[in-house]
Protein backbone atom coordinates (compact mmCIF):
# COMPACT_ATOMS: atom_id res chain seq x y z
CA MET A 1 111.62 71.53 121.53
CA LYS A 2 107.91 71.72 121.10
CA SER A 3 108.25 75.39 120.28
CA ARG A 4 110.71 74.69 117.30
CA LEU A 5 109.14 71.95 115.98
CA LEU A 6 106.22 74.32 115.71
CA SER A 7 108.05 77.19 114.66
CA ILE A 8 108.70 74.61 111.54
CA ILE A 9 105.38 73.33 110.88
CA SER A 10 104.06 77.15 111.04
CA LEU A 11 107.03 78.23 108.86
CA VAL A 12 106.27 75.66 106.59
CA ILE A 13 102.63 75.87 106.20
CA GLY A 14 103.02 79.64 105.82
CA ALA A 15 105.33 79.40 103.22
CA ALA A 16 103.32 77.14 101.29
CA ILE A 17 100.09 79.68 101.58
CA PHE A 18 102.84 82.65 100.53
CA ILE A 19 104.03 80.29 97.12
CA TYR A 20 100.20 79.44 96.60
CA LEU A 21 99.19 83.21 96.67
CA LEU A 22 102.11 84.37 94.40
CA LYS A 23 101.29 81.91 91.47
CA LYS A 24 97.62 82.84 91.95
CA THR A 25 97.72 87.04 92.11
CA GLY A 26 101.00 86.87 89.56
CA THR A 27 104.83 86.92 90.93
CA ALA A 28 105.64 89.34 87.99
CA GLU A 29 103.34 91.60 88.80
CA VAL A 30 104.09 91.59 92.50
CA VAL A 31 107.41 91.81 92.09
CA ALA A 32 106.66 95.06 89.47
CA ARG A 33 104.90 96.66 92.50
CA VAL A 34 107.25 95.72 95.12
CA ARG A 35 110.23 97.12 92.93
CA ALA A 36 108.18 100.33 92.12
CA LEU A 37 108.68 101.41 95.83
CA GLY A 38 112.36 102.52 94.59
CA VAL A 39 113.28 105.06 97.73
CA GLY A 40 110.16 105.07 98.73
CA PHE A 41 110.93 101.84 101.09
CA VAL A 42 112.84 104.56 103.12
CA LEU A 43 110.08 106.30 103.89
CA ILE A 44 107.89 103.47 105.16
CA LEU A 45 111.19 102.65 107.35
CA THR A 46 110.88 106.19 108.95
CA ILE A 47 107.14 106.14 109.25
CA SER A 48 107.62 102.60 111.01
CA ALA A 49 110.58 104.03 112.99
CA VAL A 50 108.16 106.49 114.31
CA ARG A 51 106.04 103.86 115.89
CA GLN A 52 109.29 101.62 117.80
CA PHE A 53 109.85 104.89 119.27
CA ALA A 54 106.41 105.83 120.32
CA ARG A 55 106.22 102.64 122.12
CA ALA A 56 109.71 102.66 123.80
CA TYR A 57 108.47 106.41 124.92
CA ALA A 58 105.29 104.83 126.11
CA TRP A 59 107.44 102.32 128.00
CA LEU A 60 109.61 104.65 129.12
CA ARG A 61 106.70 106.62 130.81
CA CYS A 62 105.53 103.83 132.34
CA LEU A 63 108.81 103.86 134.50
CA SER A 64 108.71 106.31 137.90
CA ASP A 65 110.44 109.30 137.71
CA ASP A 66 113.85 108.05 139.26
CA GLN A 67 114.11 105.11 137.20
CA ARG A 68 114.13 106.83 133.40
CA SER A 69 117.04 107.89 133.76
CA VAL A 70 117.89 104.72 131.92
CA GLY A 71 117.33 106.68 128.80
CA LEU A 72 114.84 106.01 125.54
CA GLY A 73 118.19 104.59 123.76
CA ALA A 74 118.31 101.37 126.31
CA ILE A 75 114.32 100.63 126.14
CA LEU A 76 114.28 100.91 122.29
CA ARG A 77 117.38 98.70 121.97
CA ALA A 78 115.52 96.17 124.69
CA ARG A 79 112.13 96.26 122.41
CA LEU A 80 113.99 95.76 119.10
CA ALA A 81 116.02 92.78 120.30
CA GLY A 82 112.89 91.10 121.73
CA ASP A 83 110.54 91.47 119.30
CA ALA A 84 113.06 90.21 116.65
CA MET A 85 112.98 87.31 118.62
CA ALA A 86 109.47 86.82 119.35
CA ASP A 87 108.99 87.65 115.29
CA LEU A 88 110.69 85.11 114.29
CA THR A 89 109.69 82.09 116.96
CA ALA A 90 106.19 80.17 117.50
CA ALA A 91 107.02 81.53 120.83
CA GLY A 92 106.40 85.19 120.10
CA PRO A 93 105.49 86.80 123.56
CA VAL A 94 106.73 84.14 125.59
CA ILE A 95 109.87 84.79 124.66
CA GLY A 96 110.31 88.10 123.77
CA GLU A 97 109.15 89.75 126.81
CA PRO A 98 111.72 87.88 128.25
CA ILE A 99 114.10 89.24 126.48
CA LYS A 100 113.13 92.42 126.85
CA ILE A 101 113.37 92.33 130.71
CA ALA A 102 116.66 90.21 130.70
CA GLN A 103 118.26 93.67 127.97
CA LEU A 104 117.58 95.78 130.45
CA LYS A 105 119.29 93.68 133.72
CA GLY A 106 121.71 95.33 135.69
CA LYS A 107 120.29 98.59 134.52
CA LEU A 108 117.14 98.82 136.39
CA SER A 109 115.77 96.18 139.36
CA LEU A 110 114.04 93.18 137.87
CA THR A 111 110.74 94.54 140.01
CA ALA A 112 110.81 97.74 137.83
CA ILE A 113 111.55 96.55 134.30
CA VAL A 114 108.36 93.84 134.67
CA SER A 115 105.98 96.48 136.37
CA SER A 116 106.70 98.44 133.91
CA LEU A 117 106.35 96.51 131.15
CA ALA A 118 103.06 94.94 132.13
CA VAL A 119 102.05 98.54 132.28
CA GLU A 120 102.89 99.60 128.60
CA ASN A 121 101.41 96.06 126.97
CA LEU A 122 98.58 96.25 129.22
CA ALA A 123 97.93 99.66 127.58
CA TYR A 124 98.62 98.80 124.45
CA THR A 125 96.57 95.57 124.45
CA ILE A 126 93.23 98.27 125.52
CA SER A 127 94.48 100.47 122.69
CA VAL A 128 94.58 97.57 120.46
CA CYS A 129 90.95 96.75 121.35
CA LEU A 130 89.48 99.99 120.50
CA MET A 131 91.30 100.15 117.33
CA VAL A 132 90.34 96.68 116.15
CA LEU A 133 86.42 98.16 117.13
CA ALA A 134 86.79 101.14 115.65
CA GLY A 135 87.78 99.24 112.32
CA THR A 136 85.62 96.52 112.59
CA LEU A 137 82.50 99.19 112.68
CA THR A 138 84.02 101.41 110.01
CA LEU A 139 84.19 98.20 107.57
CA LEU A 140 80.72 97.24 108.30
CA THR A 141 79.07 100.40 107.79
CA VAL A 142 81.11 101.94 104.97
CA PHE A 143 81.36 98.43 102.99
CA ALA A 144 79.34 96.14 101.35
CA VAL A 145 80.33 92.71 102.64
CA GLY A 146 79.31 89.23 101.97
CA ASP A 147 77.44 87.20 104.78
CA SER A 148 81.12 85.69 106.15
CA ILE A 149 82.79 88.42 106.41
CA ARG A 150 79.93 90.47 108.02
CA ASN A 151 79.55 87.19 110.80
CA ALA A 152 83.28 87.26 111.56
CA SER A 153 83.47 90.93 112.45
CA LEU A 154 80.85 90.57 114.45
CA LEU A 155 82.17 87.69 116.43
CA ALA A 156 85.16 90.08 116.14
CA LEU A 157 83.40 92.68 118.02
CA GLY A 158 81.72 90.79 120.56
CA LEU A 159 84.67 88.99 121.40
CA VAL A 160 86.85 91.89 121.71
CA SER A 161 84.88 94.23 123.65
CA MET A 162 83.82 91.75 126.30
CA LEU A 163 87.79 91.51 126.22
CA LEU A 164 88.36 95.34 126.90
CA LEU A 165 85.28 95.39 129.59
CA SER A 166 87.17 92.88 131.41
CA VAL A 167 90.12 94.66 131.31
CA LEU A 168 88.47 98.12 132.30
CA VAL A 169 86.60 96.51 135.32
CA ILE A 170 89.32 94.85 136.98
CA LEU A 171 91.46 97.55 136.85
CA LYS A 172 88.62 99.50 138.51
CA GLN A 173 87.60 97.33 140.67
CA ARG A 174 91.39 96.45 141.39
CA TRP A 175 90.74 92.56 141.55
CA ARG A 176 93.81 90.69 141.57
CA VAL A 177 92.75 88.30 138.71
CA VAL A 178 96.44 87.30 138.09
CA SER A 179 97.53 86.38 141.75
CA SER A 180 94.39 84.83 142.76
CA THR A 181 94.89 82.42 139.84
CA LEU A 182 98.44 81.87 140.12
CA ALA A 183 97.52 81.21 144.01
CA ILE A 184 95.52 77.77 143.16
CA PHE A 185 98.65 76.75 140.87
CA LEU A 186 101.20 77.53 143.84
CA ALA A 187 98.87 76.07 146.78
CA PHE A 188 101.17 73.03 146.95
CA PHE A 189 104.83 74.64 147.11
CA ASN A 190 106.37 76.28 150.18
CA ARG A 191 107.23 79.07 148.63
CA ALA A 192 103.98 79.77 147.35
CA GLN A 193 103.27 83.20 149.65
CA GLU A 194 106.60 84.59 149.03
CA LYS A 195 106.10 84.28 145.09
CA LEU A 196 102.54 85.57 145.73
CA SER A 197 103.76 88.73 147.47
CA ARG A 198 105.48 89.65 144.21
CA VAL A 199 102.85 89.20 141.81
CA HIS A 200 100.86 91.60 144.61
CA GLU A 201 103.30 93.91 144.25
CA LEU A 202 102.93 93.94 139.94
CA GLU A 203 99.24 94.11 140.49
CA ASP A 204 99.93 97.21 143.07
CA TYR A 205 101.99 98.95 140.72
CA VAL A 206 99.54 98.82 137.51
CA PHE A 207 96.14 99.80 139.48
CA ASP A 208 98.37 102.77 140.87
CA PHE A 209 99.54 103.50 137.42
CA TYR A 210 96.36 104.26 136.05
CA ALA A 211 94.34 105.40 139.21
CA LYS A 212 96.86 107.87 140.55
CA ARG A 213 99.83 108.82 137.44
CA ARG A 214 97.07 110.54 135.78
CA VAL A 215 99.61 112.61 133.73
CA ASP A 216 102.32 109.46 132.54
CA PHE A 217 98.74 107.63 131.68
CA LEU A 218 97.65 110.10 129.05
CA ILE A 219 101.33 110.12 127.60
CA VAL A 220 101.08 106.56 127.18
CA ALA A 221 98.03 106.83 125.73
CA LEU A 222 99.43 109.50 122.95
CA CYS A 223 102.43 106.99 122.31
CA GLU A 224 99.65 104.25 121.38
CA LEU A 225 97.64 106.42 119.60
CA THR A 226 100.63 107.71 117.72
CA PHE A 227 101.79 104.06 117.19
CA HIS A 228 98.12 103.14 115.56
CA LEU A 229 98.31 106.79 113.79
CA ALA A 230 101.79 105.88 112.16
CA GLY A 231 100.84 102.48 111.22
CA VAL A 232 97.40 103.96 109.12
CA ILE A 233 99.87 106.51 107.35
CA GLU A 234 101.92 104.09 106.61
CA ILE A 235 99.90 101.86 104.78
CA TYR A 236 98.37 104.96 103.40
CA VAL A 237 101.69 105.82 101.83
CA THR A 238 102.38 101.89 100.69
CA LEU A 239 99.49 101.81 98.82
CA HIS A 240 99.85 104.71 96.63
CA LEU A 241 103.87 103.88 95.90
CA ILE A 242 102.87 100.27 94.89
CA GLY A 243 100.36 101.70 92.39
CA SER A 244 96.93 101.05 94.19
CA PRO A 245 96.25 104.46 96.33
CA GLY A 246 93.30 104.20 98.88
CA SER A 247 91.73 106.13 100.65
CA TRP A 248 92.01 107.06 104.81
CA VAL A 249 89.19 104.93 105.66
CA ILE A 250 90.69 101.59 103.85
CA ALA A 251 94.45 102.67 105.03
CA PHE A 252 92.89 102.80 108.50
CA ILE A 253 90.61 99.29 108.60
CA LEU A 254 93.51 97.53 106.96
CA GLU A 255 95.69 98.49 110.06
CA ALA A 256 92.92 97.56 112.44
CA VAL A 257 92.57 93.88 110.64
CA ASN A 258 96.59 93.92 110.58
CA ARG A 259 96.99 93.98 114.52
CA VAL A 260 94.39 91.28 114.64
CA ILE A 261 96.30 88.98 112.28
CA ASN A 262 99.40 89.74 114.31
CA ILE A 263 97.52 88.72 117.40
CA VAL A 264 95.92 85.72 116.05
CA PHE A 265 98.80 83.98 113.92
CA ALA A 266 101.47 85.26 116.34
CA PHE A 267 102.76 81.71 116.60
CA VAL A 268 103.75 81.88 112.84
CA PRO A 269 107.42 82.99 112.22
CA ALA A 270 107.40 86.47 110.42
CA MET A 271 103.38 85.89 109.30
CA VAL A 272 104.68 84.30 106.66
CA GLY A 273 102.00 83.48 104.33
CA VAL A 274 99.36 84.28 106.91
CA ASP A 275 100.01 88.14 106.39
CA GLU A 276 99.56 88.13 102.73
CA ALA A 277 96.47 85.82 102.72
CA GLY A 278 94.37 87.77 105.48
CA THR A 279 95.61 91.42 103.80
CA GLY A 280 94.50 89.86 100.13
CA LEU A 281 91.53 88.83 101.19
CA LEU A 282 90.71 92.12 102.99
CA THR A 283 92.14 94.52 99.63
CA ASN A 284 89.08 92.22 97.94
CA VAL A 285 86.57 93.30 99.72
CA LEU A 286 87.41 96.98 99.64
CA GLY A 287 88.06 96.95 95.83
CA LEU A 288 91.56 96.97 95.88
CA GLY A 289 92.24 93.05 94.51
CA THR A 290 94.03 90.15 96.04
CA THR A 291 97.50 91.42 94.54
CA THR A 292 97.24 94.52 96.04
CA GLY A 293 97.08 92.97 99.55
CA VAL A 294 99.99 90.04 98.73
CA THR A 295 102.11 93.17 97.81
CA LEU A 296 101.27 95.35 101.04
CA ALA A 297 102.05 92.86 103.11
CA ILE A 298 105.18 91.90 101.44
CA VAL A 299 106.85 95.34 101.69
CA ARG A 300 105.13 95.34 105.47
CA LYS A 301 107.48 91.59 105.79
CA ALA A 302 110.34 93.68 104.15
CA ARG A 303 110.49 95.88 106.79
CA MET A 304 110.02 93.61 109.67
CA LEU A 305 113.26 92.11 108.75
CA VAL A 306 115.49 95.46 108.52
CA TRP A 307 114.01 95.94 112.18
CA ILE A 308 114.02 92.31 113.08
CA GLY A 309 118.60 92.42 111.77
CA LEU A 310 118.38 95.71 114.14
CA GLY A 311 116.66 94.08 116.97
CA PHE A 312 119.34 90.69 116.63
CA LEU A 313 122.53 93.39 116.52
CA PHE A 314 120.94 95.14 119.75
CA LEU A 315 120.84 91.35 121.16
CA SER A 316 124.62 90.29 120.80
CA LYS A 317 126.30 93.80 121.56
CA PRO A 318 124.17 94.58 124.57
CA GLN A 319 125.02 91.56 126.37
CA THR A 320 128.90 92.22 126.25
CA LEU A 321 128.56 95.51 127.21
CA LEU A 322 126.60 94.20 130.51
CA HIS A 323 128.83 91.41 130.97
CA LYS A 324 132.04 93.80 131.14
CA HIS A 325 130.33 96.01 133.00
CA ASP A 326 129.18 92.83 135.74
CA ARG A 327 133.30 92.55 136.25
CA LEU A 328 133.89 95.90 137.11
């Protein structure tokens, strides 16, 4: 109930921001730029498909050799189904990740699904931290920004650096942060030890993956790199298609900041309003104008809706198939 209320409130506020930005930048101009895409939107979808497959394959490589027979298709469907719900609700990953797990139930053990998903999410988090650091440093180095943008960028650099360093130290030292924290909350329950033993298994899987499975780690890292690289290419191509050609440096900075927006405002359904506001502000700083950023965010939203639609399609069909399989 609270999640639904938060979704409605955030959606209303986001919609208000979206309408305000359209009026401020000029609805006719934004519409004209979007229409200029034409069949180019198919190219944008193709590039974004590379991103979907990259993270799906990264998740597949996080499974052990004997578990990968589940196939890339099943992993991809689970990802799209989970992301569809996460993108449209305020709960975000809180509801999206369990849906991914549920989509593979009956094909893999729960331990295998959760462990591999945790490893991939952690790899993605590390890659996002590196992306944000690189993008922010590039912004501060190449462009003359105002004091407010500079101070916000320096704050982001500090916070992300601390997060990245903490994650790396935890992995290196094999600190059981999750189980230790959970132990405090489970101290008053009888089955605390049983639950903690499962968390210990999960932590060991994560630690061992990064310490012992060097080839898989390299492949996963390359997949995450491909995800971000495709994001930069998508923005670069979109800017040219909407008539606001920008450099590869600008596309790189925009993609890095977009990762921050996606994380900070994950509770806003479909990023309505906040993506347009954040991207519009940044493109104005980069010399492309606010209209370019708003248009870029709208195109990105249209692409997102296509994947959300496909995700909901997978969300319904596999459930039926699994149910029939369970009855045999």
